[in-house]
Amino acid sequence: MPTLPPAVTEVAEAVSNAVTAPPAPVLATLAPAANATPYEHLHRVNSHTSRLGLDPSHGAHQFGDELLSNTAKPFVIPLLGLVIGAGMMQVEKVADAGKLVLYFGAQSFMNIFMGWVLGTHVTVEAGTEVNGKILENDLTGCPAGFALTAMQQMVSFVVFCIYFAAVYFTPYRYVPKPLKTPFEVFCVVIFGCVFALNIALNNFSLGYISIAVNLIIRSCLPLTTFLSQQGLALFKLYPFKPCKALEISLMVVGVICAGVFTMAQIMASSASGHKGEAGKQILGVVMCIASLLCGSLNLALAGVLGETKLNVYDTVAYMAIPATVFLLPIAIFVQKPVPGLWPVVFEKETMSDWEILVGVWSLNQSTMAWLFLSGVFSFVYNIIQFSIVHTLSPSATAFGGNFNKAALIFMTLLCPFLQIHKNPGAPYIYVIWGAVLCNIAAFSFYSYLQIMAKREAAARQTTKLVEDQESGSEDTSSDGSE
């Protein structure tokens, strides 16, 4: 047998010793240092192996099978939608269908990404030493909805400024629409604050409830918008909408089904022994409903503002700073219960968003990177949404929005990697599926009635124009014969 070179022999002996040697005691290395920084004990993890040489506490960066199952899989369908939709838009015959596919890809990507960042992203891995105890489960998400929304607004503003400066001396120069009166300035500031509060409350809720619960609550937007418009009409700020029994009944049925779905989820959590989590889910539901009301008020205010219509660039230019100023006191001073294992990690039952961000920065800076990146994604998503919605018919836009919500709810219920908690067992899961199907059917039929009503109104308008033209031509011919 040939003799191996000395260098190879030394490497082989080193590997053999590393494999056979007993592991070093963990607790001795985990003792807190005298000059330790806050949360530093969380970085001194136990002796499980690091994947690809990365710190295991950075749960966002896991490769191989775990990346595919926990991180990448939720984004496969949205990314396919973006790519296929963009390709279809290049073919004239299927361009409109391609816009709907792109709209689905963009909307589903943003919903899943925000749910992942706020709810399911691994911030601290299971097996990490925390206050003398080993975390049995991962610490997930970053429940700081108000601070995240303020951060998104400022990141979007910075991105807009970069774009503005880049194209200023080119033929593509963009100048925001001027606000000519103090009333317009006041309206834009109020609209911006309500808009930001809508997003912030929605982001807040995603830290406490699943995407499915969030989406089925937000599917009730038609009824809350109708009520907001009727409320504004009482103050003569908006015309009264006609009350049609069938449409109102469909909206009420849809809302009841959403309530049944939500209650089944909460009762299932409580029955499984997570009563504390069930209470925090109720908080998330309340915040989601508040976000829904703000969204309805947003739509109603858009009608009141009338001619003060801003595109996505104007919105960022004028609303980002007022919205951030409005949200900062809430993010810094308001204390709220924190979900999951956050009370264990931070040794606090309630925290402000600012305290959460400071702690997350110490725990896992890659999580902060994802939070900043969400601002860029938010800006790009708003551009895509604005461009598509304003080039499609209202009926196509309504269909696209309803389809996206329904598809995402089904994806969340069917795909475990999109779930914050596993689907409950019988009988709750049967109630959940029944409520989802009834909710989607009710609001889909309502949308169909809305589309048909708009078509009939357009047909009547066309008929009236034709009759007016014929009447005018008859008058002209009669004048000529005389």
Protein backbone atom coordinates (compact mmCIF):
# COMPACT_ATOMS: atom_id res chain seq x y z
CA MET A 1 0.00 0.00 0.00
CA PRO A 2 1.52 3.37 -1.03
CA THR A 3 2.58 5.78 1.71
CA LEU A 4 0.46 8.95 1.94
CA PRO A 5 2.12 12.36 1.94
CA PRO A 6 2.63 13.86 5.44
CA ALA A 7 0.17 16.72 4.79
CA VAL A 8 -2.61 14.30 3.91
CA THR A 9 -1.86 12.18 6.98
CA GLU A 10 -2.06 15.23 9.28
CA VAL A 11 -5.43 16.29 7.80
CA ALA A 12 -6.83 12.76 8.19
CA GLU A 13 -5.72 12.62 11.85
CA ALA A 14 -7.27 16.03 12.54
CA VAL A 15 -10.60 14.98 11.03
CA SER A 16 -10.56 11.71 12.99
CA ASN A 17 -9.89 13.51 16.27
CA ALA A 18 -12.68 16.03 15.56
CA VAL A 19 -15.17 13.24 14.90
CA THR A 20 -14.29 11.03 17.88
CA ALA A 21 -13.62 13.72 20.48
CA PRO A 22 -16.47 14.35 22.97
CA PRO A 23 -18.31 17.68 22.56
CA ALA A 24 -17.17 20.54 24.72
CA PRO A 25 -19.51 21.44 27.58
CA VAL A 26 -22.12 23.93 26.35
CA LEU A 27 -23.16 25.63 29.56
CA ALA A 28 -19.64 26.77 30.37
CA THR A 29 -19.47 28.75 27.15
CA LEU A 30 -22.92 30.19 27.67
CA ALA A 31 -22.26 31.94 30.96
CA PRO A 32 -22.98 35.65 30.61
CA ALA A 33 -19.94 37.87 30.46
CA ALA A 34 -19.57 40.78 32.85
CA ASN A 35 -19.56 43.32 30.03
CA ALA A 36 -22.16 41.52 27.89
CA THR A 37 -24.42 43.68 25.72
CA PRO A 38 -28.23 43.28 25.89
CA TYR A 39 -29.41 39.99 24.34
CA GLU A 40 -25.79 38.89 23.76
CA HIS A 41 -26.59 35.61 25.51
CA LEU A 42 -28.79 34.70 22.55
CA HIS A 43 -25.82 34.67 20.19
CA ARG A 44 -23.94 32.09 22.24
CA VAL A 45 -25.91 29.17 20.90
CA ASN A 46 -25.63 25.46 21.64
CA SER A 47 -23.31 23.19 19.74
CA HIS A 48 -25.52 22.17 16.83
CA THR A 49 -23.73 22.54 13.52
CA SER A 50 -23.82 25.70 11.47
CA ARG A 51 -25.12 25.32 7.93
CA LEU A 52 -22.66 26.34 5.25
CA GLY A 53 -20.62 28.17 7.86
CA LEU A 54 -23.41 30.58 8.81
CA ASP A 55 -24.50 31.46 12.34
CA PRO A 56 -27.49 29.20 13.10
CA SER A 57 -29.18 32.05 14.98
CA HIS A 58 -29.70 33.73 11.63
CA GLY A 59 -32.68 31.61 10.64
CA ALA A 60 -33.36 33.45 7.39
CA HIS A 61 -30.25 32.02 5.78
CA GLN A 62 -30.82 28.29 5.69
CA PHE A 63 -29.99 26.49 2.51
CA GLY A 64 -30.67 23.07 1.03
CA ASP A 65 -33.93 21.32 1.84
CA GLU A 66 -34.83 23.71 4.67
CA LEU A 67 -34.60 26.71 2.37
CA LEU A 68 -36.95 25.07 -0.09
CA SER A 69 -39.46 24.06 2.55
CA ASN A 70 -39.48 27.06 4.87
CA THR A 71 -38.42 30.05 2.84
CA ALA A 72 -38.47 29.60 -0.92
CA LYS A 73 -41.61 27.54 -1.52
CA PRO A 74 -44.12 30.25 -0.51
CA PHE A 75 -42.67 32.56 -3.17
CA VAL A 76 -42.57 30.08 -6.07
CA ILE A 77 -46.17 30.68 -7.24
CA PRO A 78 -46.02 34.51 -6.91
CA LEU A 79 -42.69 34.67 -8.78
CA LEU A 80 -44.08 32.43 -11.52
CA GLY A 81 -47.06 34.78 -11.73
CA LEU A 82 -44.76 37.78 -12.14
CA VAL A 83 -42.63 36.10 -14.82
CA ILE A 84 -45.53 34.56 -16.77
CA GLY A 85 -47.61 37.75 -16.50
CA ALA A 86 -44.74 39.91 -17.75
CA GLY A 87 -44.24 37.53 -20.67
CA MET A 88 -47.95 37.48 -21.58
CA MET A 89 -48.05 41.28 -21.59
CA GLN A 90 -45.59 41.25 -24.48
CA VAL A 91 -48.16 39.40 -26.65
CA GLU A 92 -50.98 41.72 -27.71
CA LYS A 93 -53.68 39.04 -27.84
CA VAL A 94 -53.21 38.03 -24.20
CA ALA A 95 -51.92 41.34 -22.82
CA ASP A 96 -54.97 42.01 -20.61
CA ALA A 97 -54.92 38.47 -19.21
CA GLY A 98 -51.20 38.93 -18.62
CA LYS A 99 -51.90 42.05 -16.55
CA LEU A 100 -54.24 40.05 -14.31
CA VAL A 101 -51.63 37.32 -13.90
CA LEU A 102 -48.97 39.95 -13.09
CA TYR A 103 -51.38 41.61 -10.65
CA PHE A 104 -51.90 38.25 -8.92
CA GLY A 105 -48.15 37.63 -8.75
CA ALA A 106 -47.40 41.07 -7.31
CA GLN A 107 -50.25 41.07 -4.78
CA SER A 108 -49.66 37.51 -3.59
CA PHE A 109 -45.89 38.10 -3.34
CA MET A 110 -46.38 41.21 -1.19
CA ASN A 111 -48.94 39.52 1.08
CA ILE A 112 -46.80 36.42 1.55
CA PHE A 113 -43.61 38.43 2.05
CA MET A 114 -45.17 40.67 4.71
CA GLY A 115 -46.72 37.64 6.44
CA TRP A 116 -43.31 35.96 6.37
CA VAL A 117 -41.38 38.97 7.73
CA LEU A 118 -43.90 39.75 10.46
CA GLY A 119 -45.07 36.25 11.35
CA THR A 120 -43.07 33.20 10.19
CA HIS A 121 -39.48 34.31 9.46
CA VAL A 122 -37.11 32.67 11.95
CA THR A 123 -35.44 35.37 14.04
CA VAL A 124 -33.91 33.07 16.68
CA GLU A 125 -33.64 29.32 16.13
CA ALA A 126 -34.88 26.60 18.42
CA GLY A 127 -32.03 25.29 20.58
CA THR A 128 -30.77 28.75 21.49
CA GLU A 129 -30.03 29.44 25.18
CA VAL A 130 -32.42 32.06 26.59
CA ASN A 131 -32.25 33.05 30.25
CA GLY A 132 -30.95 29.65 31.27
CA LYS A 133 -33.49 27.75 29.16
CA ILE A 134 -33.29 26.25 25.70
CA LEU A 135 -35.90 27.48 23.19
CA GLU A 136 -37.91 24.44 22.16
CA ASN A 137 -39.41 26.29 19.18
CA ASP A 138 -38.19 29.00 16.82
CA LEU A 139 -38.73 32.65 17.69
CA THR A 140 -40.48 33.88 14.55
CA GLY A 141 -41.41 37.15 12.89
CA CYS A 142 -40.99 40.73 14.00
CA PRO A 143 -44.29 42.04 15.44
CA ALA A 144 -43.57 45.74 14.92
CA GLY A 145 -46.24 46.78 12.42
CA PHE A 146 -46.28 50.53 13.08
CA ALA A 147 -42.49 50.90 13.07
CA LEU A 148 -42.25 48.76 9.95
CA THR A 149 -44.83 50.90 8.13
CA ALA A 150 -42.98 54.11 9.08
CA MET A 151 -39.77 52.49 7.84
CA GLN A 152 -41.46 51.50 4.57
CA GLN A 153 -42.68 55.06 4.06
CA MET A 154 -39.20 56.51 4.52
CA VAL A 155 -37.50 53.85 2.36
CA SER A 156 -40.08 54.51 -0.37
CA PHE A 157 -39.39 58.25 -0.09
CA VAL A 158 -35.63 57.67 -0.44
CA VAL A 159 -36.21 55.42 -3.48
CA PHE A 160 -38.44 58.11 -5.01
CA CYS A 161 -35.78 60.79 -4.41
CA ILE A 162 -33.16 58.59 -6.12
CA TYR A 163 -35.51 58.06 -9.08
CA PHE A 164 -36.38 61.80 -9.20
CA ALA A 165 -32.70 62.78 -9.27
CA ALA A 166 -31.79 60.09 -11.82
CA VAL A 167 -34.34 61.20 -14.43
CA TYR A 168 -34.36 64.94 -13.70
CA PHE A 169 -31.99 65.88 -16.53
CA THR A 170 -33.44 63.38 -19.00
CA PRO A 171 -36.52 63.44 -21.27
CA TYR A 172 -38.24 61.25 -18.63
CA ARG A 173 -38.15 63.98 -15.96
CA TYR A 174 -40.97 63.62 -13.45
CA VAL A 175 -42.44 66.50 -11.45
CA PRO A 176 -45.07 65.82 -8.75
CA LYS A 177 -48.49 67.35 -9.25
CA PRO A 178 -48.56 70.77 -7.54
CA LEU A 179 -50.93 71.33 -4.64
CA LYS A 180 -52.52 74.71 -5.34
CA THR A 181 -54.59 75.48 -2.24
CA PRO A 182 -54.23 74.98 1.53
CA PHE A 183 -57.34 72.76 1.37
CA GLU A 184 -55.60 70.40 -1.05
CA VAL A 185 -52.58 70.24 1.26
CA PHE A 186 -54.85 69.53 4.23
CA CYS A 187 -56.74 66.81 2.32
CA VAL A 188 -53.54 65.13 1.17
CA VAL A 189 -52.10 65.11 4.71
CA ILE A 190 -55.31 63.64 6.18
CA PHE A 191 -55.57 61.13 3.37
CA GLY A 192 -51.91 60.16 3.88
CA CYS A 193 -52.37 59.61 7.62
CA VAL A 194 -55.46 57.43 7.11
CA PHE A 195 -53.67 55.54 4.33
CA ALA A 196 -50.63 54.93 6.57
CA LEU A 197 -52.83 53.87 9.48
CA ASN A 198 -54.57 51.37 7.21
CA ILE A 199 -51.24 49.77 6.23
CA ALA A 200 -49.82 49.94 9.76
CA LEU A 201 -52.83 48.24 11.36
CA ASN A 202 -52.76 45.56 8.65
CA ASN A 203 -49.03 44.97 9.24
CA PHE A 204 -49.68 44.87 12.98
CA SER A 205 -52.33 42.17 12.52
CA LEU A 206 -50.02 40.00 10.40
CA GLY A 207 -47.77 39.54 13.44
CA TYR A 208 -50.65 37.91 15.35
CA ILE A 209 -52.92 36.15 12.83
CA SER A 210 -52.41 34.04 9.72
CA ILE A 211 -52.60 35.36 6.16
CA ALA A 212 -55.85 33.41 5.67
CA VAL A 213 -57.58 35.13 8.61
CA ASN A 214 -56.23 38.50 7.51
CA LEU A 215 -57.46 38.05 3.93
CA ILE A 216 -60.92 36.73 4.80
CA ILE A 217 -61.49 39.73 7.09
CA ARG A 218 -60.30 42.11 4.36
CA SER A 219 -62.67 40.43 1.90
CA CYS A 220 -65.44 42.24 3.84
CA LEU A 221 -64.29 45.56 2.35
CA PRO A 222 -67.44 46.02 0.17
CA LEU A 223 -69.76 46.19 3.20
CA THR A 224 -67.55 48.50 5.28
CA THR A 225 -67.02 50.75 2.24
CA PHE A 226 -70.79 50.90 1.67
CA LEU A 227 -71.35 51.86 5.31
CA SER A 228 -68.58 54.50 5.16
CA GLN A 229 -70.13 56.05 2.05
CA GLN A 230 -73.57 56.12 3.65
CA GLY A 231 -72.08 57.72 6.77
CA LEU A 232 -70.40 60.45 4.73
CA ALA A 233 -73.66 60.95 2.84
CA LEU A 234 -75.38 61.89 6.12
CA PHE A 235 -73.03 64.89 6.27
CA LYS A 236 -73.63 65.63 2.56
CA LEU A 237 -70.04 64.71 1.72
CA TYR A 238 -70.99 61.82 -0.57
CA PRO A 239 -74.11 60.84 -2.57
CA PHE A 240 -76.33 58.16 -1.03
CA LYS A 241 -75.82 54.72 -2.54
CA PRO A 242 -78.99 52.78 -3.49
CA CYS A 243 -79.85 50.05 -0.98
CA LYS A 244 -80.55 46.82 -2.87
CA ALA A 245 -81.73 43.97 -0.67
CA LEU A 246 -79.95 41.20 -2.58
CA GLU A 247 -76.57 42.98 -2.62
CA ILE A 248 -76.75 43.92 1.07
CA SER A 249 -77.80 40.36 1.96
CA LEU A 250 -74.83 38.92 0.06
CA MET A 251 -72.42 41.28 1.82
CA VAL A 252 -73.90 40.43 5.24
CA VAL A 253 -73.66 36.69 4.52
CA GLY A 254 -70.03 37.12 3.46
CA VAL A 255 -69.21 39.02 6.65
CA ILE A 256 -70.95 36.40 8.83
CA CYS A 257 -68.93 33.65 7.13
CA ALA A 258 -65.73 35.61 7.76
CA GLY A 259 -66.72 35.88 11.42
CA VAL A 260 -67.40 32.14 11.63
CA PHE A 261 -64.03 31.39 10.01
CA THR A 262 -62.20 33.64 12.46
CA MET A 263 -64.01 32.30 15.52
CA ALA A 264 -63.28 28.71 14.46
CA GLN A 265 -59.57 29.53 14.20
CA ILE A 266 -59.51 31.18 17.64
CA MET A 267 -61.57 28.42 19.30
CA ALA A 268 -59.27 25.80 17.77
CA SER A 269 -56.23 27.56 19.26
CA SER A 270 -57.89 27.72 22.65
CA ALA A 271 -58.95 24.05 22.49
CA SER A 272 -55.40 22.99 21.66
CA GLY A 273 -54.13 24.50 24.90
CA HIS A 274 -52.89 27.85 23.55
CA LYS A 275 -55.34 30.13 25.37
CA GLY A 276 -52.76 32.89 25.64
CA GLU A 277 -52.17 32.80 21.89
CA ALA A 278 -55.94 32.77 21.29
CA GLY A 279 -56.21 36.05 23.22
CA LYS A 280 -53.45 37.62 21.14
CA GLN A 281 -55.14 36.37 17.97
CA ILE A 282 -58.23 38.32 19.06
CA LEU A 283 -56.03 41.42 19.30
CA GLY A 284 -54.79 40.74 15.76
CA VAL A 285 -58.37 40.34 14.52
CA VAL A 286 -59.41 43.64 16.12
CA MET A 287 -56.46 45.42 14.50
CA CYS A 288 -57.30 43.86 11.13
CA ILE A 289 -60.92 45.06 11.41
CA ALA A 290 -59.64 48.54 12.31
CA SER A 291 -57.40 48.40 9.23
CA LEU A 292 -60.41 47.39 7.15
CA LEU A 293 -62.38 50.39 8.42
CA CYS A 294 -59.46 52.69 7.60
CA GLY A 295 -59.30 51.19 4.11
CA SER A 296 -63.01 51.84 3.62
CA LEU A 297 -62.60 55.40 4.85
CA ASN A 298 -59.69 55.74 2.42
CA LEU A 299 -61.89 54.78 -0.51
CA ALA A 300 -64.65 57.12 0.64
CA LEU A 301 -62.19 60.00 1.13
CA ALA A 302 -60.83 59.39 -2.36
CA GLY A 303 -64.32 60.15 -3.68
CA VAL A 304 -64.62 63.23 -1.47
CA LEU A 305 -61.26 64.62 -2.61
CA GLY A 306 -62.51 64.55 -6.19
CA GLU A 307 -60.03 66.25 -8.47
CA THR A 308 -57.11 66.02 -6.06
CA LYS A 309 -56.00 62.74 -7.60
CA LEU A 310 -52.43 61.64 -7.09
CA ASN A 311 -50.54 58.81 -8.73
CA VAL A 312 -48.17 56.54 -6.85
CA TYR A 313 -45.18 58.91 -7.24
CA ASP A 314 -47.18 61.90 -5.97
CA THR A 315 -48.44 59.81 -3.07
CA VAL A 316 -44.89 58.94 -1.97
CA ALA A 317 -43.63 62.49 -2.52
CA TYR A 318 -46.35 64.17 -0.46
CA MET A 319 -47.54 61.56 2.03
CA ALA A 320 -44.41 59.68 3.15
CA ILE A 321 -43.10 62.28 5.61
CA PRO A 322 -46.50 63.23 7.20
CA ALA A 323 -47.36 59.52 7.50
CA THR A 324 -44.02 58.78 9.19
CA VAL A 325 -44.42 61.68 11.62
CA PHE A 326 -47.92 60.43 12.40
CA LEU A 327 -46.79 56.84 13.04
CA LEU A 328 -43.58 57.48 15.00
CA PRO A 329 -45.18 58.39 18.38
CA ILE A 330 -47.30 55.22 18.18
CA ALA A 331 -44.25 53.10 17.33
CA ILE A 332 -42.11 54.59 20.11
CA PHE A 333 -44.51 54.94 23.04
CA VAL A 334 -47.47 52.54 22.65
CA GLN A 335 -46.98 49.27 24.53
CA LYS A 336 -48.69 46.11 23.22
CA PRO A 337 -48.70 42.38 24.08
CA VAL A 338 -46.14 40.44 22.08
CA PRO A 339 -47.00 37.03 20.57
CA GLY A 340 -45.38 33.62 20.60
CA LEU A 341 -42.03 33.30 22.41
CA TRP A 342 -41.28 37.02 22.40
CA PRO A 343 -42.22 37.43 26.10
CA VAL A 344 -39.72 34.63 26.93
CA VAL A 345 -36.89 36.13 24.87
CA PHE A 346 -37.32 39.73 26.00
CA GLU A 347 -38.68 38.92 29.49
CA LYS A 348 -41.53 41.37 28.89
CA GLU A 349 -45.20 40.75 28.26
CA THR A 350 -45.69 44.13 26.54
CA MET A 351 -43.29 46.10 24.35
CA SER A 352 -43.32 49.06 21.98
CA ASP A 353 -42.37 48.64 18.34
CA TRP A 354 -39.20 50.62 18.95
CA GLU A 355 -38.12 48.25 21.75
CA ILE A 356 -38.78 45.29 19.46
CA LEU A 357 -36.64 46.77 16.68
CA VAL A 358 -33.77 47.50 19.08
CA GLY A 359 -33.93 43.92 20.35
CA VAL A 360 -34.14 42.45 16.85
CA TRP A 361 -31.09 44.46 15.80
CA SER A 362 -29.15 42.78 18.63
CA LEU A 363 -30.56 39.34 17.91
CA ASN A 364 -30.46 39.04 14.14
CA GLN A 365 -29.43 41.89 11.87
CA SER A 366 -30.50 39.95 8.78
CA THR A 367 -34.10 40.36 9.98
CA MET A 368 -33.60 44.14 9.94
CA ALA A 369 -32.31 43.86 6.39
CA TRP A 370 -35.57 42.16 5.36
CA LEU A 371 -37.54 44.94 7.05
CA PHE A 372 -35.67 47.60 5.06
CA LEU A 373 -36.09 45.58 1.86
CA SER A 374 -39.85 45.49 2.43
CA GLY A 375 -39.86 49.26 1.84
CA VAL A 376 -38.35 48.79 -1.62
CA PHE A 377 -40.79 45.96 -2.39
CA SER A 378 -43.67 48.14 -1.20
CA PHE A 379 -42.67 50.98 -3.54
CA VAL A 380 -42.31 48.64 -6.54
CA TYR A 381 -45.59 46.89 -5.71
CA ASN A 382 -47.47 50.19 -5.56
CA ILE A 383 -46.10 51.14 -8.99
CA ILE A 384 -47.17 47.78 -10.47
CA GLN A 385 -50.59 47.99 -8.83
CA PHE A 386 -51.18 51.59 -9.97
CA SER A 387 -50.09 50.85 -13.54
CA ILE A 388 -52.23 47.72 -13.88
CA VAL A 389 -55.35 48.99 -12.15
CA HIS A 390 -55.44 52.15 -14.26
CA THR A 391 -55.09 50.24 -17.54
CA LEU A 392 -57.77 47.61 -16.81
CA SER A 393 -61.52 48.07 -16.71
CA PRO A 394 -63.11 48.43 -13.25
CA SER A 395 -64.82 45.06 -13.66
CA ALA A 396 -61.54 43.33 -14.52
CA THR A 397 -59.83 44.99 -11.55
CA ALA A 398 -62.63 43.87 -9.20
CA PHE A 399 -62.41 40.34 -10.56
CA GLY A 400 -58.63 40.33 -10.16
CA GLY A 401 -58.78 41.55 -6.56
CA ASN A 402 -61.41 38.98 -5.54
CA PHE A 403 -59.60 36.15 -7.32
CA ASN A 404 -56.30 37.06 -5.64
CA LYS A 405 -57.84 37.00 -2.15
CA ALA A 406 -59.60 33.69 -2.80
CA ALA A 407 -56.50 32.06 -4.30
CA LEU A 408 -54.29 33.18 -1.40
CA ILE A 409 -56.78 31.92 1.20
CA PHE A 410 -56.88 28.51 -0.49
CA MET A 411 -53.08 28.46 -0.79
CA THR A 412 -52.71 29.25 2.91
CA LEU A 413 -55.10 26.50 3.97
CA LEU A 414 -53.58 23.93 1.62
CA CYS A 415 -49.86 24.75 1.96
CA PRO A 416 -48.30 24.13 5.42
CA PHE A 417 -45.33 26.39 4.67
CA LEU A 418 -47.68 29.41 4.50
CA GLN A 419 -49.21 28.75 7.92
CA ILE A 420 -48.22 30.36 11.21
CA HIS A 421 -50.03 27.50 12.99
CA LYS A 422 -51.03 24.12 11.59
CA ASN A 423 -54.62 23.71 10.44
CA PRO A 424 -56.82 22.56 13.34
CA GLY A 425 -58.43 19.14 13.38
CA ALA A 426 -62.09 18.19 13.24
CA PRO A 427 -64.63 19.69 13.69
CA TYR A 428 -63.00 23.11 13.35
CA ILE A 429 -61.40 22.47 9.95
CA TYR A 430 -64.80 21.55 8.46
CA VAL A 431 -66.30 24.79 9.76
CA ILE A 432 -63.33 26.74 8.38
CA TRP A 433 -63.64 25.24 4.87
CA GLY A 434 -67.42 25.75 4.82
CA ALA A 435 -67.06 29.39 5.91
CA VAL A 436 -64.37 30.05 3.27
CA LEU A 437 -66.45 28.60 0.44
CA CYS A 438 -69.60 30.51 1.48
CA ASN A 439 -67.66 33.76 1.94
CA ILE A 440 -66.03 33.53 -1.49
CA ALA A 441 -69.33 32.56 -3.14
CA ALA A 442 -71.22 35.47 -1.53
CA PHE A 443 -68.71 38.17 -2.42
CA SER A 444 -68.09 36.72 -5.90
CA PHE A 445 -71.82 36.86 -6.65
CA TYR A 446 -71.91 40.40 -5.24
CA SER A 447 -69.05 41.39 -7.56
CA TYR A 448 -70.87 39.78 -10.47
CA LEU A 449 -73.99 41.87 -9.72
CA GLN A 450 -71.83 45.01 -9.54
CA ILE A 451 -70.21 44.22 -12.89
CA MET A 452 -73.58 43.55 -14.54
CA ALA A 453 -75.01 46.79 -13.11
CA LYS A 454 -72.09 48.79 -14.52
CA ARG A 455 -72.52 47.13 -17.91
CA GLU A 456 -76.24 47.95 -17.93
CA ALA A 457 -75.50 51.55 -16.96
CA ALA A 458 -72.93 51.82 -19.75
CA ALA A 459 -75.40 50.28 -22.23
CA ARG A 460 -78.10 52.77 -21.20
CA GLN A 461 -75.64 55.62 -21.58
CA THR A 462 -74.68 54.41 -25.07
CA THR A 463 -78.33 54.01 -26.08
CA LYS A 464 -79.10 57.51 -24.85
CA LEU A 465 -76.21 58.98 -26.86
CA VAL A 466 -77.38 57.17 -30.00
CA GLU A 467 -80.95 58.39 -29.51
CA ASP A 468 -79.73 61.95 -28.95
CA GLN A 469 -77.64 61.80 -32.14
CA GLU A 470 -80.57 60.40 -34.12
CA SER A 471 -82.87 63.05 -32.70
CA GLY A 472 -80.36 65.75 -33.64
CA SER A 473 -80.01 64.44 -37.20
CA GLU A 474 -83.80 64.31 -37.60
CA ASP A 475 -84.10 67.91 -36.45
CA THR A 476 -81.39 68.93 -38.92
CA SER A 477 -83.06 67.13 -41.83
CA SER A 478 -86.46 68.63 -40.99
CA ASP A 479 -84.95 72.11 -40.89
CA GLY A 480 -83.36 71.52 -44.27
CA SER A 481 -86.63 70.34 -45.87
CA GLU A 482 -88.40 73.45 -44.73
